[in-house]
Amino acid sequence: MSALDSLSLIGIPAANPSVAKALVWFRSRQRADGTWRLQYLKGAGISIDEWVHFALCRALRRYSD
């Protein structure tokens, strides 16, 4: 997710095959309420869900323009 967010910030287009694949993957896993099921490898017990959802939405919005 952070890679997709960074790529959107530096202007890599949605037409890029890797970006397009990532966008399809994230959108296919989005829940009806607009969130995603999150799993973390580090920081167990730390609630950062809202920030992760925000970053995902921000990147997806950049690529929807």
C-alpha atoms as a PDB file:
ATOM      1  CA  MET A   1       0.000   0.000   0.000  1.00  0.00           C
ATOM      2  CA  SER A   2       2.738   2.474   0.860  1.00  0.00           C
ATOM      3  CA  ALA A   3       4.414   1.718  -2.476  1.00  0.00           C
ATOM      4  CA  LEU A   4       1.193   2.485  -4.360  1.00  0.00           C
ATOM      5  CA  ASP A   5       0.775   5.698  -2.386  1.00  0.00           C
ATOM      6  CA  SER A   6       4.374   6.717  -3.171  1.00  0.00           C
ATOM      7  CA  LEU A   7       4.029   5.869  -6.858  1.00  0.00           C
ATOM      8  CA  SER A   8       0.913   8.023  -7.079  1.00  0.00           C
ATOM      9  CA  LEU A   9       2.773  10.921  -5.450  1.00  0.00           C
ATOM     10  CA  ILE A  10       5.633  10.826  -7.949  1.00  0.00           C
ATOM     11  CA  GLY A  11       3.306  10.643 -10.920  1.00  0.00           C
ATOM     12  CA  ILE A  12       3.538   7.024 -12.079  1.00  0.00           C
ATOM     13  CA  PRO A  13       0.363   6.661 -14.187  1.00  0.00           C
ATOM     14  CA  ALA A  14      -2.478   4.221 -13.559  1.00  0.00           C
ATOM     15  CA  ALA A  15      -1.754   2.813 -17.029  1.00  0.00           C
ATOM     16  CA  ASN A  16       1.531   1.376 -15.740  1.00  0.00           C
ATOM     17  CA  PRO A  17       0.955  -2.420 -15.741  1.00  0.00           C
ATOM     18  CA  SER A  18       2.138  -2.915 -12.150  1.00  0.00           C
ATOM     19  CA  VAL A  19       0.062  -0.018 -10.855  1.00  0.00           C
ATOM     20  CA  ALA A  20      -3.005  -1.200 -12.778  1.00  0.00           C
ATOM     21  CA  LYS A  21      -2.618  -4.675 -11.287  1.00  0.00           C
ATOM     22  CA  ALA A  22      -2.321  -3.227  -7.771  1.00  0.00           C
ATOM     23  CA  LEU A  23      -5.379  -1.014  -8.249  1.00  0.00           C
ATOM     24  CA  VAL A  24      -7.472  -3.991  -9.364  1.00  0.00           C
ATOM     25  CA  TRP A  25      -6.211  -6.006  -6.392  1.00  0.00           C
ATOM     26  CA  PHE A  26      -7.013  -3.303  -3.808  1.00  0.00           C
ATOM     27  CA  ARG A  27     -10.404  -2.475  -5.298  1.00  0.00           C
ATOM     28  CA  SER A  28     -11.398  -6.150  -5.440  1.00  0.00           C
ATOM     29  CA  ARG A  29     -10.728  -6.495  -1.726  1.00  0.00           C
ATOM     30  CA  GLN A  30     -12.510  -3.359  -0.575  1.00  0.00           C
ATOM     31  CA  ARG A  31     -15.466  -4.050   1.721  1.00  0.00           C
ATOM     32  CA  ALA A  32     -18.953  -2.676   1.194  1.00  0.00           C
ATOM     33  CA  ASP A  33     -18.335  -0.073   3.924  1.00  0.00           C
ATOM     34  CA  GLY A  34     -15.267   1.206   2.044  1.00  0.00           C
ATOM     35  CA  THR A  35     -12.652  -0.333   4.347  1.00  0.00           C
ATOM     36  CA  TRP A  36     -10.249  -3.236   3.933  1.00  0.00           C
ATOM     37  CA  ARG A  37      -9.411  -6.177   6.177  1.00  0.00           C
ATOM     38  CA  LEU A  38      -6.013  -5.240   7.511  1.00  0.00           C
ATOM     39  CA  GLN A  39      -3.206  -7.453   8.761  1.00  0.00           C
ATOM     40  CA  TYR A  40       0.061  -6.138  10.121  1.00  0.00           C
ATOM     41  CA  LEU A  41       3.424  -7.810  10.326  1.00  0.00           C
ATOM     42  CA  LYS A  42       4.821  -5.300  12.833  1.00  0.00           C
ATOM     43  CA  GLY A  43       3.306  -3.246  15.597  1.00  0.00           C
ATOM     44  CA  ALA A  44       0.789  -5.772  16.891  1.00  0.00           C
ATOM     45  CA  GLY A  45      -1.642  -4.092  19.202  1.00  0.00           C
ATOM     46  CA  ILE A  46      -1.228  -0.681  17.625  1.00  0.00           C
ATOM     47  CA  SER A  47      -4.425   0.674  16.101  1.00  0.00           C
ATOM     48  CA  ILE A  48      -3.514   2.464  12.904  1.00  0.00           C
ATOM     49  CA  ASP A  49      -6.404   1.162  10.812  1.00  0.00           C
ATOM     50  CA  GLU A  50      -7.842   4.620  10.162  1.00  0.00           C
ATOM     51  CA  TRP A  51      -4.516   5.927   8.846  1.00  0.00           C
ATOM     52  CA  VAL A  52      -4.014   2.912   6.582  1.00  0.00           C
ATOM     53  CA  HIS A  53      -7.542   3.236   5.195  1.00  0.00           C
ATOM     54  CA  PHE A  54      -6.940   6.944   4.646  1.00  0.00           C
ATOM     55  CA  ALA A  55      -3.705   6.284   2.732  1.00  0.00           C
ATOM     56  CA  LEU A  56      -5.394   3.651   0.580  1.00  0.00           C
ATOM     57  CA  CYS A  57      -8.275   5.961  -0.242  1.00  0.00           C
ATOM     58  CA  ARG A  58      -5.865   8.803  -0.983  1.00  0.00           C
ATOM     59  CA  ALA A  59      -3.863   6.683  -3.448  1.00  0.00           C
ATOM     60  CA  LEU A  60      -6.997   5.280  -5.095  1.00  0.00           C
ATOM     61  CA  ARG A  61      -8.413   8.781  -5.472  1.00  0.00           C
ATOM     62  CA  ARG A  62      -5.219  10.031  -7.119  1.00  0.00           C
ATOM     63  CA  TYR A  63      -5.474   7.228  -9.645  1.00  0.00           C
ATOM     64  CA  SER A  64      -9.175   7.818 -10.299  1.00  0.00           C
ATOM     65  CA  ASP A  65      -8.620  11.375 -11.604  1.00  0.00           C
END
